[in-house]
Amino acid sequence: MTTVLVADDDPDVRDVVVFKLQQSGYDVLVAEDGEAALRLARSSRPDLAVLDVMMPRMTGLDVCRELRADAATARMPVILLTARAQEGDVEGGFAWGADDYLTKPFSPRELASRVRAVLGRGGR
């Protein structure tokens, strides 16, 4: 089964994302901050990571950069999920190595569709 790592410090957002992904048939790993997300990504090697940009201890951008720098996780697809919707923020997310960028508020159905689409691309 496909495993998705979800990292968001907002429990309400995290719960919605986890519920929708589980409902869509994915196994889900959960992290409440960036450091925990990076540890889980390195130890469990999920098929994809959904990362909130603004998290304590380590931002989603920092996690994405660390994943890209490590040969073992460099090809793991990453979707950034954030309230930061300015053009420069989106550009920055892609520059740091994100495969997709979804702004809050978001549709859980759209998130599930984007997860499917990114996974369907077959990696980096």
PDB file of N, CA and C in Angstrom:
ATOM      1  N   MET A   1       0.843  -1.186   0.000  1.00  0.00           N
ATOM      2  CA  MET A   1       0.000   0.000   0.000  1.00  0.00           C
ATOM      3  C   MET A   1       0.884   1.245   0.000  1.00  0.00           C
ATOM      4  N   THR A   2       0.420   2.288  -0.618  1.00  0.00           N
ATOM      5  CA  THR A   2       1.139   3.554  -0.719  1.00  0.00           C
ATOM      6  C   THR A   2       1.069   4.294   0.614  1.00  0.00           C
ATOM      7  N   THR A   3       2.212   4.805   1.048  1.00  0.00           N
ATOM      8  CA  THR A   3       2.294   5.520   2.320  1.00  0.00           C
ATOM      9  C   THR A   3       2.581   6.989   2.082  1.00  0.00           C
ATOM     10  N   VAL A   4       1.815   7.848   2.773  1.00  0.00           N
ATOM     11  CA  VAL A   4       1.983   9.296   2.678  1.00  0.00           C
ATOM     12  C   VAL A   4       2.300   9.840   4.068  1.00  0.00           C
ATOM     13  N   LEU A   5       3.333  10.664   4.137  1.00  0.00           N
ATOM     14  CA  LEU A   5       3.686  11.373   5.365  1.00  0.00           C
ATOM     15  C   LEU A   5       2.965  12.712   5.361  1.00  0.00           C
ATOM     16  N   VAL A   6       2.261  13.016   6.433  1.00  0.00           N
ATOM     17  CA  VAL A   6       1.568  14.293   6.591  1.00  0.00           C
ATOM     18  C   VAL A   6       2.181  15.013   7.778  1.00  0.00           C
ATOM     19  N   ALA A   7       2.671  16.234   7.541  1.00  0.00           N
ATOM     20  CA  ALA A   7       3.261  17.032   8.614  1.00  0.00           C
ATOM     21  C   ALA A   7       2.602  18.403   8.642  1.00  0.00           C
ATOM     22  N   ASP A   8       1.915  18.691   9.741  1.00  0.00           N
ATOM     23  CA  ASP A   8       1.271  19.989   9.932  1.00  0.00           C
ATOM     24  C   ASP A   8       1.112  20.200  11.429  1.00  0.00           C
ATOM     25  N   ASP A   9       1.440  21.394  11.905  1.00  0.00           N
ATOM     26  CA  ASP A   9       1.345  21.662  13.338  1.00  0.00           C
ATOM     27  C   ASP A   9      -0.068  22.025  13.779  1.00  0.00           C
ATOM     28  N   ASP A  10      -0.965  22.277  12.839  1.00  0.00           N
ATOM     29  CA  ASP A  10      -2.358  22.577  13.172  1.00  0.00           C
ATOM     30  C   ASP A  10      -3.137  21.265  13.209  1.00  0.00           C
ATOM     31  N   PRO A  11      -3.595  20.842  14.405  1.00  0.00           N
ATOM     32  CA  PRO A  11      -4.267  19.540  14.501  1.00  0.00           C
ATOM     33  C   PRO A  11      -5.538  19.445  13.663  1.00  0.00           C
ATOM     34  N   ASP A  12      -6.262  20.540  13.490  1.00  0.00           N
ATOM     35  CA  ASP A  12      -7.490  20.501  12.691  1.00  0.00           C
ATOM     36  C   ASP A  12      -7.175  20.228  11.222  1.00  0.00           C
ATOM     37  N   VAL A  13      -6.195  20.939  10.690  1.00  0.00           N
ATOM     38  CA  VAL A  13      -5.791  20.728   9.299  1.00  0.00           C
ATOM     39  C   VAL A  13      -5.230  19.318   9.137  1.00  0.00           C
ATOM     40  N   ARG A  14      -4.373  18.940  10.059  1.00  0.00           N
ATOM     41  CA  ARG A  14      -3.741  17.614  10.002  1.00  0.00           C
ATOM     42  C   ARG A  14      -4.810  16.516   9.994  1.00  0.00           C
ATOM     43  N   ASP A  15      -5.806  16.631  10.861  1.00  0.00           N
ATOM     44  CA  ASP A  15      -6.855  15.618  10.941  1.00  0.00           C
ATOM     45  C   ASP A  15      -7.650  15.513   9.637  1.00  0.00           C
ATOM     46  N   VAL A  16      -7.958  16.654   9.011  1.00  0.00           N
ATOM     47  CA  VAL A  16      -8.693  16.639   7.741  1.00  0.00           C
ATOM     48  C   VAL A  16      -7.854  15.957   6.661  1.00  0.00           C
ATOM     49  N   VAL A  17      -6.570  16.303   6.580  1.00  0.00           N
ATOM     50  CA  VAL A  17      -5.685  15.720   5.565  1.00  0.00           C
ATOM     51  C   VAL A  17      -5.560  14.211   5.786  1.00  0.00           C
ATOM     52  N   VAL A  18      -5.313  13.818   7.025  1.00  0.00           N
ATOM     53  CA  VAL A  18      -5.161  12.392   7.331  1.00  0.00           C
ATOM     54  C   VAL A  18      -6.437  11.634   6.990  1.00  0.00           C
ATOM     55  N   PHE A  19      -7.584  12.169   7.400  1.00  0.00           N
ATOM     56  CA  PHE A  19      -8.860  11.507   7.123  1.00  0.00           C
ATOM     57  C   PHE A  19      -9.067  11.323   5.623  1.00  0.00           C
ATOM     58  N   LYS A  20      -8.857  12.385   4.844  1.00  0.00           N
ATOM     59  CA  LYS A  20      -9.108  12.303   3.405  1.00  0.00           C
ATOM     60  C   LYS A  20      -8.146  11.318   2.729  1.00  0.00           C
ATOM     61  N   LEU A  21      -6.885  11.325   3.137  1.00  0.00           N
ATOM     62  CA  LEU A  21      -5.923  10.409   2.522  1.00  0.00           C
ATOM     63  C   LEU A  21      -6.210   8.955   2.902  1.00  0.00           C
ATOM     64  N   GLN A  22      -6.599   8.720   4.157  1.00  0.00           N
ATOM     65  CA  GLN A  22      -6.966   7.358   4.557  1.00  0.00           C
ATOM     66  C   GLN A  22      -8.220   6.909   3.813  1.00  0.00           C
ATOM     67  N   GLN A  23      -9.180   7.804   3.664  1.00  0.00           N
ATOM     68  CA  GLN A  23     -10.404   7.513   2.928  1.00  0.00           C
ATOM     69  C   GLN A  23     -10.091   7.186   1.458  1.00  0.00           C
ATOM     70  N   SER A  24      -9.005   7.766   0.945  1.00  0.00           N
ATOM     71  CA  SER A  24      -8.584   7.536  -0.441  1.00  0.00           C
ATOM     72  C   SER A  24      -7.720   6.287  -0.584  1.00  0.00           C
ATOM     73  N   GLY A  25      -7.489   5.576   0.532  1.00  0.00           N
ATOM     74  CA  GLY A  25      -6.787   4.303   0.463  1.00  0.00           C
ATOM     75  C   GLY A  25      -5.301   4.329   0.777  1.00  0.00           C
ATOM     76  N   TYR A  26      -4.805   5.429   1.304  1.00  0.00           N
ATOM     77  CA  TYR A  26      -3.388   5.526   1.631  1.00  0.00           C
ATOM     78  C   TYR A  26      -3.129   5.195   3.099  1.00  0.00           C
ATOM     79  N   ASP A  27      -1.964   4.607   3.370  1.00  0.00           N
ATOM     80  CA  ASP A  27      -1.466   4.529   4.737  1.00  0.00           C
ATOM     81  C   ASP A  27      -0.881   5.895   5.039  1.00  0.00           C
ATOM     82  N   VAL A  28      -1.077   6.411   6.242  1.00  0.00           N
ATOM     83  CA  VAL A  28      -0.631   7.759   6.562  1.00  0.00           C
ATOM     84  C   VAL A  28       0.248   7.748   7.808  1.00  0.00           C
ATOM     85  N   LEU A  29       1.399   8.401   7.694  1.00  0.00           N
ATOM     86  CA  LEU A  29       2.281   8.671   8.829  1.00  0.00           C
ATOM     87  C   LEU A  29       2.067  10.125   9.208  1.00  0.00           C
ATOM     88  N   VAL A  30       2.092  10.436  10.505  1.00  0.00           N
ATOM     89  CA  VAL A  30       1.759  11.777  10.961  1.00  0.00           C
ATOM     90  C   VAL A  30       2.895  12.380  11.775  1.00  0.00           C
ATOM     91  N   ALA A  31       3.194  13.656  11.487  1.00  0.00           N
ATOM     92  CA  ALA A  31       4.187  14.413  12.248  1.00  0.00           C
ATOM     93  C   ALA A  31       3.591  15.771  12.595  1.00  0.00           C
ATOM     94  N   GLU A  32       3.951  16.274  13.787  1.00  0.00           N
ATOM     95  CA  GLU A  32       3.414  17.555  14.250  1.00  0.00           C
ATOM     96  C   GLU A  32       4.373  18.714  14.046  1.00  0.00           C
ATOM     97  N   ASP A  33       5.599  18.436  13.603  1.00  0.00           N
ATOM     98  CA  ASP A  33       6.563  19.500  13.337  1.00  0.00           C
ATOM     99  C   ASP A  33       7.571  19.009  12.296  1.00  0.00           C
ATOM    100  N   GLY A  34       8.401  19.926  11.830  1.00  0.00           N
ATOM    101  CA  GLY A  34       9.338  19.601  10.770  1.00  0.00           C
ATOM    102  C   GLY A  34      10.399  18.586  11.140  1.00  0.00           C
ATOM    103  N   GLU A  35      10.923  18.677  12.351  1.00  0.00           N
ATOM    104  CA  GLU A  35      11.950  17.719  12.775  1.00  0.00           C
ATOM    105  C   GLU A  35      11.398  16.294  12.795  1.00  0.00           C
ATOM    106  N   ALA A  36      10.198  16.142  13.345  1.00  0.00           N
ATOM    107  CA  ALA A  36       9.570  14.812  13.384  1.00  0.00           C
ATOM    108  C   ALA A  36       9.297  14.321  11.962  1.00  0.00           C
ATOM    109  N   ALA A  37       8.898  15.215  11.080  1.00  0.00           N
ATOM    110  CA  ALA A  37       8.641  14.835   9.688  1.00  0.00           C
ATOM    111  C   ALA A  37       9.914  14.326   9.023  1.00  0.00           C
ATOM    112  N   LEU A  38      11.014  15.018   9.233  1.00  0.00           N
ATOM    113  CA  LEU A  38      12.274  14.596   8.623  1.00  0.00           C
ATOM    114  C   LEU A  38      12.717  13.240   9.163  1.00  0.00           C
ATOM    115  N   ARG A  39      12.591  13.041  10.474  1.00  0.00           N
ATOM    116  CA  ARG A  39      12.940  11.738  11.066  1.00  0.00           C
ATOM    117  C   ARG A  39      12.094  10.618  10.467  1.00  0.00           C
ATOM    118  N   LEU A  40      10.782  10.846  10.391  1.00  0.00           N
ATOM    119  CA  LEU A  40       9.884   9.830   9.829  1.00  0.00           C
ATOM    120  C   LEU A  40      10.184   9.569   8.352  1.00  0.00           C
ATOM    121  N   ALA A  41      10.458  10.613   7.607  1.00  0.00           N
ATOM    122  CA  ALA A  41      10.763  10.447   6.186  1.00  0.00           C
ATOM    123  C   ALA A  41      12.018   9.602   5.996  1.00  0.00           C
ATOM    124  N   ARG A  42      13.016   9.849   6.826  1.00  0.00           N
ATOM    125  CA  ARG A  42      14.270   9.109   6.703  1.00  0.00           C
ATOM    126  C   ARG A  42      14.138   7.664   7.187  1.00  0.00           C
ATOM    127  N   SER A  43      13.360   7.449   8.235  1.00  0.00           N
ATOM    128  CA  SER A  43      13.267   6.102   8.799  1.00  0.00           C
ATOM    129  C   SER A  43      12.233   5.228   8.092  1.00  0.00           C
ATOM    130  N   SER A  44      11.137   5.807   7.629  1.00  0.00           N
ATOM    131  CA  SER A  44      10.039   5.026   7.054  1.00  0.00           C
ATOM    132  C   SER A  44       9.974   5.074   5.537  1.00  0.00           C
ATOM    133  N   ARG A  45      10.619   6.044   4.937  1.00  0.00           N
ATOM    134  CA  ARG A  45      10.640   6.210   3.477  1.00  0.00           C
ATOM    135  C   ARG A  45       9.245   6.147   2.854  1.00  0.00           C
ATOM    136  N   PRO A  46       8.361   7.074   3.215  1.00  0.00           N
ATOM    137  CA  PRO A  46       7.034   7.083   2.599  1.00  0.00           C
ATOM    138  C   PRO A  46       7.136   7.346   1.099  1.00  0.00           C
ATOM    139  N   ASP A  47       6.055   7.087   0.391  1.00  0.00           N
ATOM    140  CA  ASP A  47       6.026   7.277  -1.052  1.00  0.00           C
ATOM    141  C   ASP A  47       5.870   8.744  -1.436  1.00  0.00           C
ATOM    142  N   LEU A  48       5.364   9.561  -0.506  1.00  0.00           N
ATOM    143  CA  LEU A  48       5.137  10.985  -0.753  1.00  0.00           C
ATOM    144  C   LEU A  48       5.022  11.685   0.588  1.00  0.00           C
ATOM    145  N   ALA A  49       5.393  12.972   0.625  1.00  0.00           N
ATOM    146  CA  ALA A  49       5.237  13.782   1.836  1.00  0.00           C
ATOM    147  C   ALA A  49       4.381  15.004   1.533  1.00  0.00           C
ATOM    148  N   VAL A  50       3.422  15.287   2.423  1.00  0.00           N
ATOM    149  CA  VAL A  50       2.626  16.513   2.381  1.00  0.00           C
ATOM    150  C   VAL A  50       3.093  17.331   3.574  1.00  0.00           C
ATOM    151  N   LEU A  51       3.727  18.476   3.305  1.00  0.00           N
ATOM    152  CA  LEU A  51       4.363  19.263   4.355  1.00  0.00           C
ATOM    153  C   LEU A  51       3.769  20.662   4.447  1.00  0.00           C
ATOM    154  N   ASP A  52       3.361  21.049   5.644  1.00  0.00           N
ATOM    155  CA  ASP A  52       2.994  22.436   5.904  1.00  0.00           C
ATOM    156  C   ASP A  52       4.279  23.257   5.833  1.00  0.00           C
ATOM    157  N   VAL A  53       4.200  24.447   5.273  1.00  0.00           N
ATOM    158  CA  VAL A  53       5.404  25.273   5.171  1.00  0.00           C
ATOM    159  C   VAL A  53       5.793  25.836   6.534  1.00  0.00           C
ATOM    160  N   MET A  54       4.837  26.405   7.256  1.00  0.00           N
ATOM    161  CA  MET A  54       5.153  27.065   8.528  1.00  0.00           C
ATOM    162  C   MET A  54       4.892  26.124   9.702  1.00  0.00           C
ATOM    163  N   MET A  55       5.966  25.442  10.144  1.00  0.00           N
ATOM    164  CA  MET A  55       5.889  24.542  11.296  1.00  0.00           C
ATOM    165  C   MET A  55       7.001  24.895  12.274  1.00  0.00           C
ATOM    166  N   PRO A  56       6.818  24.547  13.552  1.00  0.00           N
ATOM    167  CA  PRO A  56       7.886  24.775  14.519  1.00  0.00           C
ATOM    168  C   PRO A  56       9.060  23.825  14.300  1.00  0.00           C
ATOM    169  N   ARG A  57      10.185  24.214  14.849  1.00  0.00           N
ATOM    170  CA  ARG A  57      11.442  23.452  14.848  1.00  0.00           C
ATOM    171  C   ARG A  57      12.104  23.409  13.482  1.00  0.00           C
ATOM    172  N   MET A  58      11.316  23.230  12.430  1.00  0.00           N
ATOM    173  CA  MET A  58      11.860  23.143  11.079  1.00  0.00           C
ATOM    174  C   MET A  58      10.704  23.382  10.118  1.00  0.00           C
ATOM    175  N   THR A  59      10.860  24.285   9.169  1.00  0.00           N
ATOM    176  CA  THR A  59       9.771  24.551   8.227  1.00  0.00           C
ATOM    177  C   THR A  59       9.663  23.426   7.205  1.00  0.00           C
ATOM    178  N   GLY A  60       8.531  23.380   6.529  1.00  0.00           N
ATOM    179  CA  GLY A  60       8.365  22.416   5.451  1.00  0.00           C
ATOM    180  C   GLY A  60       9.379  22.632   4.337  1.00  0.00           C
ATOM    181  N   LEU A  61       9.757  23.898   4.099  1.00  0.00           N
ATOM    182  CA  LEU A  61      10.790  24.188   3.097  1.00  0.00           C
ATOM    183  C   LEU A  61      12.126  23.583   3.505  1.00  0.00           C
ATOM    184  N   ASP A  62      12.455  23.712   4.797  1.00  0.00           N
ATOM    185  CA  ASP A  62      13.708  23.120   5.292  1.00  0.00           C
ATOM    186  C   ASP A  62      13.685  21.597   5.171  1.00  0.00           C
ATOM    187  N   VAL A  63      12.545  20.993   5.495  1.00  0.00           N
ATOM    188  CA  VAL A  63      12.414  19.539   5.379  1.00  0.00           C
ATOM    189  C   VAL A  63      12.588  19.137   3.922  1.00  0.00           C
ATOM    190  N   CYS A  64      11.942  19.848   3.019  1.00  0.00           N
ATOM    191  CA  CYS A  64      12.050  19.554   1.592  1.00  0.00           C
ATOM    192  C   CYS A  64      13.511  19.644   1.140  1.00  0.00           C
ATOM    193  N   ARG A  65      14.197  20.689   1.550  1.00  0.00           N
ATOM    194  CA  ARG A  65      15.607  20.864   1.182  1.00  0.00           C
ATOM    195  C   ARG A  65      16.460  19.712   1.699  1.00  0.00           C
ATOM    196  N   GLU A  66      16.230  19.295   2.950  1.00  0.00           N
ATOM    197  CA  GLU A  66      16.989  18.183   3.539  1.00  0.00           C
ATOM    198  C   GLU A  66      16.692  16.867   2.814  1.00  0.00           C
ATOM    199  N   LEU A  67      15.442  16.651   2.451  1.00  0.00           N
ATOM    200  CA  LEU A  67      15.093  15.440   1.715  1.00  0.00           C
ATOM    201  C   LEU A  67      15.807  15.409   0.363  1.00  0.00           C
ATOM    202  N   ARG A  68      15.843  16.541  -0.315  1.00  0.00           N
ATOM    203  CA  ARG A  68      16.489  16.610  -1.630  1.00  0.00           C
ATOM    204  C   ARG A  68      18.008  16.418  -1.534  1.00  0.00           C
ATOM    205  N   ALA A  69      18.589  16.799  -0.409  1.00  0.00           N
ATOM    206  CA  ALA A  69      20.039  16.711  -0.236  1.00  0.00           C
ATOM    207  C   ALA A  69      20.519  15.308   0.120  1.00  0.00           C
ATOM    208  N   ASP A  70      19.614  14.443   0.510  1.00  0.00           N
ATOM    209  CA  ASP A  70      19.952  13.083   0.934  1.00  0.00           C
ATOM    210  C   ASP A  70      19.611  12.122  -0.203  1.00  0.00           C
ATOM    211  N   ALA A  71      20.609  11.386  -0.681  1.00  0.00           N
ATOM    212  CA  ALA A  71      20.391  10.475  -1.815  1.00  0.00           C
ATOM    213  C   ALA A  71      19.266   9.470  -1.544  1.00  0.00           C
ATOM    214  N   ALA A  72      19.076   9.074  -0.294  1.00  0.00           N
ATOM    215  CA  ALA A  72      18.065   8.077   0.048  1.00  0.00           C
ATOM    216  C   ALA A  72      16.639   8.624  -0.079  1.00  0.00           C
ATOM    217  N   THR A  73      16.475   9.936   0.026  1.00  0.00           N
ATOM    218  CA  THR A  73      15.131  10.530  -0.018  1.00  0.00           C
ATOM    219  C   THR A  73      14.981  11.574  -1.129  1.00  0.00           C
ATOM    220  N   ALA A  74      15.993  11.752  -1.919  1.00  0.00           N
ATOM    221  CA  ALA A  74      15.995  12.825  -2.920  1.00  0.00           C
ATOM    222  C   ALA A  74      14.863  12.708  -3.928  1.00  0.00           C
ATOM    223  N   ARG A  75      14.399  11.496  -4.193  1.00  0.00           N
ATOM    224  CA  ARG A  75      13.348  11.291  -5.195  1.00  0.00           C
ATOM    225  C   ARG A  75      11.941  11.222  -4.594  1.00  0.00           C
ATOM    226  N   MET A  76      11.828  11.386  -3.270  1.00  0.00           N
ATOM    227  CA  MET A  76      10.516  11.350  -2.625  1.00  0.00           C
ATOM    228  C   MET A  76       9.707  12.581  -3.049  1.00  0.00           C
ATOM    229  N   PRO A  77       8.537  12.390  -3.636  1.00  0.00           N
ATOM    230  CA  PRO A  77       7.718  13.540  -4.014  1.00  0.00           C
ATOM    231  C   PRO A  77       7.247  14.310  -2.776  1.00  0.00           C
ATOM    232  N   VAL A  78       7.179  15.637  -2.921  1.00  0.00           N
ATOM    233  CA  VAL A  78       6.764  16.517  -1.833  1.00  0.00           C
ATOM    234  C   VAL A  78       5.699  17.481  -2.332  1.00  0.00           C
ATOM    235  N   ILE A  79       4.610  17.557  -1.581  1.00  0.00           N
ATOM    236  CA  ILE A  79       3.583  18.568  -1.805  1.00  0.00           C
ATOM    237  C   ILE A  79       3.618  19.506  -0.612  1.00  0.00           C
ATOM    238  N   LEU A  80       3.797  20.803  -0.884  1.00  0.00           N
ATOM    239  CA  LEU A  80       3.764  21.797   0.183  1.00  0.00           C
ATOM    240  C   LEU A  80       2.336  22.295   0.343  1.00  0.00           C
ATOM    241  N   LEU A  81       1.912  22.399   1.587  1.00  0.00           N
ATOM    242  CA  LEU A  81       0.564  22.844   1.930  1.00  0.00           C
ATOM    243  C   LEU A  81       0.720  24.061   2.826  1.00  0.00           C
ATOM    244  N   THR A  82       0.218  25.223   2.389  1.00  0.00           N
ATOM    245  CA  THR A  82       0.491  26.431   3.145  1.00  0.00           C
ATOM    246  C   THR A  82      -0.526  27.538   2.914  1.00  0.00           C
ATOM    247  N   ALA A  83      -0.576  28.451   3.855  1.00  0.00           N
ATOM    248  CA  ALA A  83      -1.405  29.642   3.719  1.00  0.00           C
ATOM    249  C   ALA A  83      -0.679  30.721   2.921  1.00  0.00           C
ATOM    250  N   ARG A  84       0.600  30.538   2.680  1.00  0.00           N
ATOM    251  CA  ARG A  84       1.397  31.531   1.949  1.00  0.00           C
ATOM    252  C   ARG A  84       1.158  31.362   0.454  1.00  0.00           C
ATOM    253  N   ALA A  85       0.374  32.293  -0.114  1.00  0.00           N
ATOM    254  CA  ALA A  85      -0.098  32.118  -1.490  1.00  0.00           C
ATOM    255  C   ALA A  85       0.452  33.155  -2.463  1.00  0.00           C
ATOM    256  N   GLN A  86       1.368  34.000  -2.030  1.00  0.00           N
ATOM    257  CA  GLN A  86       1.942  34.982  -2.939  1.00  0.00           C
ATOM    258  C   GLN A  86       2.767  34.280  -4.014  1.00  0.00           C
ATOM    259  N   GLU A  87       2.861  34.891  -5.171  1.00  0.00           N
ATOM    260  CA  GLU A  87       3.600  34.289  -6.280  1.00  0.00           C
ATOM    261  C   GLU A  87       5.033  33.938  -5.876  1.00  0.00           C
ATOM    262  N   GLY A  88       5.679  34.806  -5.118  1.00  0.00           N
ATOM    263  CA  GLY A  88       7.048  34.549  -4.675  1.00  0.00           C
ATOM    264  C   GLY A  88       7.144  33.350  -3.747  1.00  0.00           C
ATOM    265  N   ASP A  89       6.121  33.142  -2.923  1.00  0.00           N
ATOM    266  CA  ASP A  89       6.107  31.986  -2.027  1.00  0.00           C
ATOM    267  C   ASP A  89       5.999  30.688  -2.822  1.00  0.00           C
ATOM    268  N   VAL A  90       5.127  30.705  -3.821  1.00  0.00           N
ATOM    269  CA  VAL A  90       4.945  29.523  -4.657  1.00  0.00           C
ATOM    270  C   VAL A  90       6.239  29.238  -5.428  1.00  0.00           C
ATOM    271  N   GLU A  91       6.817  30.268  -6.023  1.00  0.00           N
ATOM    272  CA  GLU A  91       8.096  30.112  -6.732  1.00  0.00           C
ATOM    273  C   GLU A  91       9.164  29.542  -5.812  1.00  0.00           C
ATOM    274  N   GLY A  92       9.223  30.081  -4.588  1.00  0.00           N
ATOM    275  CA  GLY A  92      10.206  29.600  -3.623  1.00  0.00           C
ATOM    276  C   GLY A  92      10.009  28.137  -3.278  1.00  0.00           C
ATOM    277  N   GLY A  93       8.759  27.728  -3.136  1.00  0.00           N
ATOM    278  CA  GLY A  93       8.481  26.324  -2.835  1.00  0.00           C
ATOM    279  C   GLY A  93       8.986  25.397  -3.923  1.00  0.00           C
ATOM    280  N   PHE A  94       8.755  25.782  -5.165  1.00  0.00           N
ATOM    281  CA  PHE A  94       9.254  24.962  -6.276  1.00  0.00           C
ATOM    282  C   PHE A  94      10.783  25.027  -6.358  1.00  0.00           C
ATOM    283  N   ALA A  95      11.346  26.178  -6.066  1.00  0.00           N
ATOM    284  CA  ALA A  95      12.805  26.317  -6.100  1.00  0.00           C
ATOM    285  C   ALA A  95      13.474  25.433  -5.048  1.00  0.00           C
ATOM    286  N   TRP A  96      12.790  25.195  -3.930  1.00  0.00           N
ATOM    287  CA  TRP A  96      13.337  24.346  -2.873  1.00  0.00           C
ATOM    288  C   TRP A  96      13.123  22.869  -3.173  1.00  0.00           C
ATOM    289  N   GLY A  97      12.438  22.555  -4.263  1.00  0.00           N
ATOM    290  CA  GLY A  97      12.314  21.162  -4.672  1.00  0.00           C
ATOM    291  C   GLY A  97      10.942  20.544  -4.550  1.00  0.00           C
ATOM    292  N   ALA A  98       9.923  21.340  -4.244  1.00  0.00           N
ATOM    293  CA  ALA A  98       8.572  20.777  -4.127  1.00  0.00           C
ATOM    294  C   ALA A  98       8.067  20.311  -5.492  1.00  0.00           C
ATOM    295  N   ASP A  99       7.263  19.263  -5.474  1.00  0.00           N
ATOM    296  CA  ASP A  99       6.650  18.748  -6.697  1.00  0.00           C
ATOM    297  C   ASP A  99       5.303  19.406  -6.961  1.00  0.00           C
ATOM    298  N   ASP A 100       4.669  19.905  -5.893  1.00  0.00           N
ATOM    299  CA  ASP A 100       3.395  20.593  -6.038  1.00  0.00           C
ATOM    300  C   ASP A 100       3.226  21.507  -4.830  1.00  0.00           C
ATOM    301  N   TYR A 101       2.279  22.447  -4.934  1.00  0.00           N
ATOM    302  CA  TYR A 101       2.094  23.477  -3.922  1.00  0.00           C
ATOM    303  C   TYR A 101       0.602  23.751  -3.845  1.00  0.00           C
ATOM    304  N   LEU A 102       0.024  23.563  -2.674  1.00  0.00           N
ATOM    305  CA  LEU A 102      -1.411  23.762  -2.486  1.00  0.00           C
ATOM    306  C   LEU A 102      -1.621  24.769  -1.364  1.00  0.00           C
ATOM    307  N   THR A 103      -2.442  25.781  -1.635  1.00  0.00           N
ATOM    308  CA  THR A 103      -2.645  26.829  -0.636  1.00  0.00           C
ATOM    309  C   THR A 103      -3.894  26.576   0.211  1.00  0.00           C
ATOM    310  N   LYS A 104      -3.788  27.019   1.465  1.00  0.00           N
ATOM    311  CA  LYS A 104      -4.916  26.954   2.406  1.00  0.00           C
ATOM    312  C   LYS A 104      -5.736  28.228   2.245  1.00  0.00           C
ATOM    313  N   PRO A 105      -7.045  28.174   2.392  1.00  0.00           N
ATOM    314  CA  PRO A 105      -7.829  26.953   2.590  1.00  0.00           C
ATOM    315  C   PRO A 105      -7.832  26.122   1.310  1.00  0.00           C
ATOM    316  N   PHE A 106      -7.978  24.833   1.481  1.00  0.00           N
ATOM    317  CA  PHE A 106      -7.894  23.915   0.345  1.00  0.00           C
ATOM    318  C   PHE A 106      -9.070  22.951   0.389  1.00  0.00           C
ATOM    319  N   SER A 107      -9.328  22.347  -0.739  1.00  0.00           N
ATOM    320  CA  SER A 107     -10.350  21.318  -0.837  1.00  0.00           C
ATOM    321  C   SER A 107      -9.685  19.962  -0.563  1.00  0.00           C
ATOM    322  N   PRO A 108     -10.177  19.186   0.403  1.00  0.00           N
ATOM    323  CA  PRO A 108      -9.612  17.866   0.638  1.00  0.00           C
ATOM    324  C   PRO A 108      -9.648  16.984  -0.614  1.00  0.00           C
ATOM    325  N   ARG A 109     -10.679  17.138  -1.435  1.00  0.00           N
ATOM    326  CA  ARG A 109     -10.753  16.363  -2.683  1.00  0.00           C
ATOM    327  C   ARG A 109      -9.630  16.767  -3.631  1.00  0.00           C
ATOM    328  N   GLU A 110      -9.356  18.068  -3.703  1.00  0.00           N
ATOM    329  CA  GLU A 110      -8.258  18.524  -4.563  1.00  0.00           C
ATOM    330  C   GLU A 110      -6.928  17.996  -4.054  1.00  0.00           C
ATOM    331  N   LEU A 111      -6.728  18.004  -2.740  1.00  0.00           N
ATOM    332  CA  LEU A 111      -5.495  17.461  -2.189  1.00  0.00           C
ATOM    333  C   LEU A 111      -5.324  15.997  -2.581  1.00  0.00           C
ATOM    334  N   ALA A 112      -6.376  15.199  -2.426  1.00  0.00           N
ATOM    335  CA  ALA A 112      -6.298  13.785  -2.788  1.00  0.00           C
ATOM    336  C   ALA A 112      -5.997  13.620  -4.280  1.00  0.00           C
ATOM    337  N   SER A 113      -6.582  14.473  -5.109  1.00  0.00           N
ATOM    338  CA  SER A 113      -6.314  14.424  -6.551  1.00  0.00           C
ATOM    339  C   SER A 113      -4.864  14.774  -6.859  1.00  0.00           C
ATOM    340  N   ARG A 114      -4.336  15.759  -6.159  1.00  0.00           N
ATOM    341  CA  ARG A 114      -2.943  16.150  -6.392  1.00  0.00           C
ATOM    342  C   ARG A 114      -1.980  15.058  -5.913  1.00  0.00           C
ATOM    343  N   VAL A 115      -2.308  14.418  -4.805  1.00  0.00           N
ATOM    344  CA  VAL A 115      -1.482  13.306  -4.327  1.00  0.00           C
ATOM    345  C   VAL A 115      -1.454  12.216  -5.398  1.00  0.00           C
ATOM    346  N   ARG A 116      -2.616  11.846  -5.910  1.00  0.00           N
ATOM    347  CA  ARG A 116      -2.685  10.840  -6.980  1.00  0.00           C
ATOM    348  C   ARG A 116      -1.860  11.264  -8.196  1.00  0.00           C
ATOM    349  N   ALA A 117      -2.003  12.526  -8.590  1.00  0.00           N
ATOM    350  CA  ALA A 117      -1.292  13.015  -9.777  1.00  0.00           C
ATOM    351  C   ALA A 117       0.218  12.994  -9.585  1.00  0.00           C
ATOM    352  N   VAL A 118       0.687  13.450  -8.437  1.00  0.00           N
ATOM    353  CA  VAL A 118       2.130  13.471  -8.187  1.00  0.00           C
ATOM    354  C   VAL A 118       2.670  12.040  -8.122  1.00  0.00           C
ATOM    355  N   LEU A 119       1.949  11.163  -7.444  1.00  0.00           N
ATOM    356  CA  LEU A 119       2.395   9.755  -7.387  1.00  0.00           C
ATOM    357  C   LEU A 119       2.379   9.127  -8.778  1.00  0.00           C
ATOM    358  N   GLY A 120       1.429   9.514  -9.603  1.00  0.00           N
ATOM    359  CA  GLY A 120       1.318   8.976 -10.950  1.00  0.00           C
ATOM    360  C   GLY A 120       2.442   9.384 -11.885  1.00  0.00           C
ATOM    361  N   ARG A 121       3.151  10.452 -11.504  1.00  0.00           N
ATOM    362  CA  ARG A 121       4.278  10.895 -12.330  1.00  0.00           C
ATOM    363  C   ARG A 121       5.475   9.971 -12.231  1.00  0.00           C
ATOM    364  N   GLY A 122       5.464   9.099 -11.229  1.00  0.00           N
ATOM    365  CA  GLY A 122       6.543   8.120 -11.107  1.00  0.00           C
ATOM    366  C   GLY A 122       7.828   8.640 -10.510  1.00  0.00           C
ATOM    367  N   GLY A 123       7.744   9.634  -9.663  1.00  0.00           N
ATOM    368  CA  GLY A 123       8.949  10.122  -8.986  1.00  0.00           C
ATOM    369  C   GLY A 123       9.658  11.196  -9.788  1.00  0.00           C
ATOM    370  N   ARG A 124      10.735  11.663  -9.219  1.00  0.00           N
ATOM    371  CA  ARG A 124      11.497  12.781  -9.764  1.00  0.00           C
ATOM    372  C   ARG A 124      12.385  12.369 -10.895  1.00  0.00           C
TER     373      ARG A 124
END
